[in-house]
């Protein structure tokens, strides 16, 4: 029996020197890796708090390493290895896996601290209300959330991942497929030194106090 929805979290292990490399000059190799770990844990907490479906944690490079086992346990997330030649194929395969047991799936990465419980619930309602796809554009030209009711590889083919036209190209492919697309609010990624200031301000607002 297929359940209404699953939430897919796509994450890479926090490895010093390989995580958040653009932040290494400011945070150092270990500091950037610690930030990556916190972002992964925060994303899982947000997905769990949304309460919209079972969580699948699709991890790389080793899904069953100690860090991911530690992260998955409190949220009863199932662990899966990422597979694919590029980001698009990895996302498509993760969504296809989730959709084998659900009527809809939301996929989020771990780089968008601005994504909230409310965002996930709103996206879930859009899928359950009849949208074929849901997208939350990101300020850098990508997107911070994608939701689908069917995982068609054509929505991911031929896109220059990491470029400034990822959202626009994805939307064009979905339009060509005749899909009804629900566009959510624009979010931002934590990738650059200036984004750290925004994260501190966001945490202060959430906590209701000073950073």
Protein backbone atom coordinates (compact mmCIF):
# COMPACT_ATOMS: atom_id res chain seq x y z
CA UNK A 1 0.00 0.00 0.00
CA UNK A 2 1.40 3.38 -1.02
CA UNK A 3 1.51 6.10 1.63
CA UNK A 4 0.68 9.74 0.80
CA UNK A 5 4.17 11.24 1.00
CA UNK A 6 7.85 10.69 1.73
CA UNK A 7 10.58 13.22 2.42
CA UNK A 8 13.99 12.64 0.84
CA UNK A 9 17.04 14.36 2.36
CA UNK A 10 20.10 14.38 0.09
CA UNK A 11 23.33 14.76 2.08
CA UNK A 12 27.08 14.44 1.77
CA UNK A 13 29.21 13.44 4.75
CA UNK A 14 30.99 16.25 6.64
CA UNK A 15 34.58 15.51 5.61
CA UNK A 16 37.25 18.13 6.45
CA UNK A 17 38.65 19.63 3.27
CA UNK A 18 35.73 18.34 1.18
CA UNK A 19 32.79 20.07 2.87
CA UNK A 20 31.75 23.69 2.34
CA UNK A 21 35.04 24.43 0.60
CA UNK A 22 34.14 28.06 -0.13
CA UNK A 23 33.87 28.62 3.62
CA UNK A 24 37.20 27.01 4.49
CA UNK A 25 39.15 30.33 4.33
CA UNK A 26 36.87 31.70 7.06
CA UNK A 27 36.05 28.60 9.13
CA UNK A 28 38.98 26.28 8.45
CA UNK A 29 38.65 22.71 7.18
CA UNK A 30 37.28 21.31 10.44
CA UNK A 31 35.00 24.28 11.06
CA UNK A 32 33.46 23.95 7.61
CA UNK A 33 32.92 20.23 8.20
CA UNK A 34 31.28 20.92 11.57
CA UNK A 35 28.95 23.40 9.89
CA UNK A 36 28.04 20.76 7.31
CA UNK A 37 27.21 18.31 10.11
CA UNK A 38 24.99 20.86 11.84
CA UNK A 39 23.17 21.65 8.61
CA UNK A 40 22.45 17.96 8.03
CA UNK A 41 21.10 17.55 11.55
CA UNK A 42 19.03 20.71 11.24
CA UNK A 43 17.52 19.54 7.95
CA UNK A 44 16.52 16.22 9.48
CA UNK A 45 14.96 17.99 12.47
CA UNK A 46 12.95 20.22 10.15
CA UNK A 47 11.77 17.27 8.05
CA UNK A 48 10.77 15.36 11.17
CA UNK A 49 8.98 18.33 12.75
CA UNK A 50 6.96 18.87 9.57
CA UNK A 51 5.30 15.50 10.18
CA UNK A 52 4.34 15.01 6.54
CA UNK A 53 5.83 11.59 5.86
CA UNK A 54 8.58 9.10 6.47
CA UNK A 55 12.14 10.40 5.99
CA UNK A 56 14.63 8.79 3.61
CA UNK A 57 18.25 9.93 4.07
CA UNK A 58 20.15 9.45 0.81
CA UNK A 59 23.80 9.82 1.72
CA UNK A 60 27.25 9.91 0.14
CA UNK A 61 29.92 8.70 -0.02
CA UNK A 62 29.05 5.95 2.50
CA UNK A 63 25.42 5.75 3.56
CA UNK A 64 26.04 3.51 6.55
CA UNK A 65 28.99 5.34 8.04
CA UNK A 66 28.90 6.20 11.77
CA UNK A 67 27.84 9.81 11.22
CA UNK A 68 24.80 8.98 9.12
CA UNK A 69 23.79 6.10 11.39
CA UNK A 70 23.92 8.55 14.31
CA UNK A 71 21.86 11.14 12.41
CA UNK A 72 19.19 8.78 11.12
CA UNK A 73 18.38 7.00 14.39
CA UNK A 74 16.50 9.78 16.30
CA UNK A 75 14.25 10.48 13.31
CA UNK A 76 13.73 6.86 12.24
CA UNK A 77 15.04 7.80 8.81
CA UNK A 78 15.89 5.00 6.42
CA UNK A 79 19.42 5.14 4.98
CA UNK A 80 20.18 4.79 1.28
CA UNK A 81 23.28 5.31 -0.85
CA UNK A 82 23.21 8.05 -3.46
CA UNK A 83 23.62 6.69 -6.98
CA UNK A 84 24.16 8.55 -10.23
CA UNK A 85 26.72 10.26 -12.40
CA UNK A 86 25.65 13.81 -11.55
CA UNK A 87 23.35 15.67 -9.18
CA UNK A 88 20.37 15.37 -11.51
CA UNK A 89 20.64 11.60 -11.79
CA UNK A 90 21.15 11.25 -8.04
CA UNK A 91 18.02 13.30 -7.34
CA UNK A 92 15.97 11.48 -9.94
CA UNK A 93 16.96 8.07 -8.58
CA UNK A 94 16.28 9.10 -4.98
CA UNK A 95 12.84 10.43 -5.89
CA UNK A 96 12.04 7.34 -7.95
CA UNK A 97 12.96 5.16 -4.98
CA UNK A 98 10.70 7.14 -2.64
CA UNK A 99 7.82 7.09 -5.12
CA UNK A 100 7.79 3.31 -5.25
CA UNK A 101 6.07 3.39 -1.87
CA UNK A 102 4.38 6.81 -1.86
CA UNK A 103 2.05 8.89 -4.00
CA UNK A 104 4.32 11.92 -3.71
CA UNK A 105 7.86 12.78 -2.62
CA UNK A 106 9.64 15.94 -1.53
CA UNK A 107 13.42 16.19 -1.89
CA UNK A 108 15.54 18.72 -0.03
CA UNK A 109 19.27 19.22 0.34
CA UNK A 110 21.05 20.38 3.47
CA UNK A 111 22.28 23.80 2.30
CA UNK A 112 19.07 25.82 2.83
CA UNK A 113 18.71 26.87 6.48
CA UNK A 114 15.90 29.18 5.35
CA UNK A 115 13.64 26.20 4.56
CA UNK A 116 11.13 25.84 7.37
CA UNK A 117 8.54 23.40 8.64
CA UNK A 118 5.91 25.67 7.11
CA UNK A 119 7.62 25.47 3.70
CA UNK A 120 7.58 21.67 3.76
CA UNK A 121 3.95 21.50 4.82
CA UNK A 122 2.93 23.99 2.14
CA UNK A 123 4.77 21.99 -0.53
CA UNK A 124 3.15 18.78 0.70
CA UNK A 125 -0.31 20.36 0.45
CA UNK A 126 0.44 21.45 -3.12
CA UNK A 127 1.31 17.88 -4.15
CA UNK A 128 -1.69 16.44 -2.35
CA UNK A 129 -3.87 19.11 -3.96
CA UNK A 130 -3.07 17.97 -7.48
CA UNK A 131 0.21 19.60 -8.50
CA UNK A 132 2.49 17.31 -10.52
CA UNK A 133 5.59 19.09 -9.22
CA UNK A 134 6.61 21.61 -6.58
CA UNK A 135 9.70 23.84 -6.75
CA UNK A 136 11.17 26.36 -4.31
CA UNK A 137 13.53 28.60 -6.31
CA UNK A 138 16.84 29.61 -4.76
CA UNK A 139 18.45 33.03 -5.03
CA UNK A 140 21.49 31.56 -6.82
CA UNK A 141 19.38 30.24 -9.71
CA UNK A 142 18.92 26.70 -8.41
CA UNK A 143 16.19 25.40 -6.15
CA UNK A 144 16.06 24.36 -2.51
CA UNK A 145 13.15 21.94 -2.73
CA UNK A 146 11.60 19.77 -5.40
CA UNK A 147 8.50 17.66 -5.05
CA UNK A 148 7.11 15.19 -7.58
CA UNK A 149 4.28 12.76 -8.07
CA UNK A 150 6.22 10.96 -10.82
CA UNK A 151 10.00 10.74 -11.34
CA UNK A 152 10.48 11.34 -15.05
CA UNK A 153 14.20 11.49 -16.02
CA UNK A 154 13.38 14.10 -18.68
CA UNK A 155 12.90 16.69 -15.92
CA UNK A 156 16.59 16.32 -15.00
CA UNK A 157 18.36 15.64 -18.32
CA UNK A 158 20.80 18.07 -19.90
CA UNK A 159 20.89 20.61 -17.06
CA UNK A 160 24.15 22.37 -16.12
CA UNK A 161 24.06 21.60 -12.39
CA UNK A 162 25.60 24.32 -10.28
CA UNK A 163 24.87 27.01 -12.85
CA UNK A 164 22.60 30.02 -12.61
CA UNK A 165 19.86 28.56 -14.84
CA UNK A 166 19.08 25.31 -12.98
CA UNK A 167 15.65 26.43 -11.81
CA UNK A 168 14.71 28.03 -15.13
CA UNK A 169 15.83 25.00 -17.15
CA UNK A 170 14.05 22.58 -14.82
CA UNK A 171 10.86 24.60 -14.99
CA UNK A 172 11.08 24.65 -18.80
CA UNK A 173 11.37 20.86 -18.91
CA UNK A 174 8.40 20.46 -16.58
CA UNK A 175 6.35 22.84 -18.71
CA UNK A 176 7.28 20.84 -21.81
CA UNK A 177 6.03 17.69 -20.07
CA UNK A 178 2.71 19.41 -19.47
CA UNK A 179 3.04 19.26 -15.70
CA UNK A 180 1.14 21.47 -13.31
CA UNK A 181 3.90 23.14 -11.26
CA UNK A 182 3.42 24.83 -7.89
CA UNK A 183 6.13 27.45 -7.26
CA UNK A 184 6.92 28.11 -3.60
CA UNK A 185 8.72 31.05 -2.02
CA UNK A 186 12.36 31.77 -2.90
CA UNK A 187 14.98 30.45 -0.47
CA UNK A 188 18.75 30.89 -0.13
CA UNK A 189 21.71 28.54 0.21
CA UNK A 190 24.50 28.73 2.76
CA UNK A 191 27.56 28.54 0.53
CA UNK A 192 29.50 31.80 0.79
CA UNK A 193 31.06 33.72 3.71
CA UNK A 194 28.36 36.41 3.51
CA UNK A 195 25.71 33.71 3.97
CA UNK A 196 27.05 33.01 7.46
CA UNK A 197 25.84 36.45 8.59
CA UNK A 198 22.36 35.66 7.27
CA UNK A 199 22.36 32.35 9.13
CA UNK A 200 23.27 34.06 12.41
CA UNK A 201 20.44 36.59 11.90
CA UNK A 202 18.00 33.79 11.06
CA UNK A 203 18.89 31.85 14.19
CA UNK A 204 18.46 35.00 16.28
CA UNK A 205 14.97 35.57 14.89
CA UNK A 206 13.96 31.96 15.46
CA UNK A 207 15.23 32.00 19.04
CA UNK A 208 13.87 35.45 19.74
CA UNK A 209 17.18 36.68 21.11
CA UNK A 210 20.54 38.05 20.17
CA UNK A 211 22.99 36.03 18.07
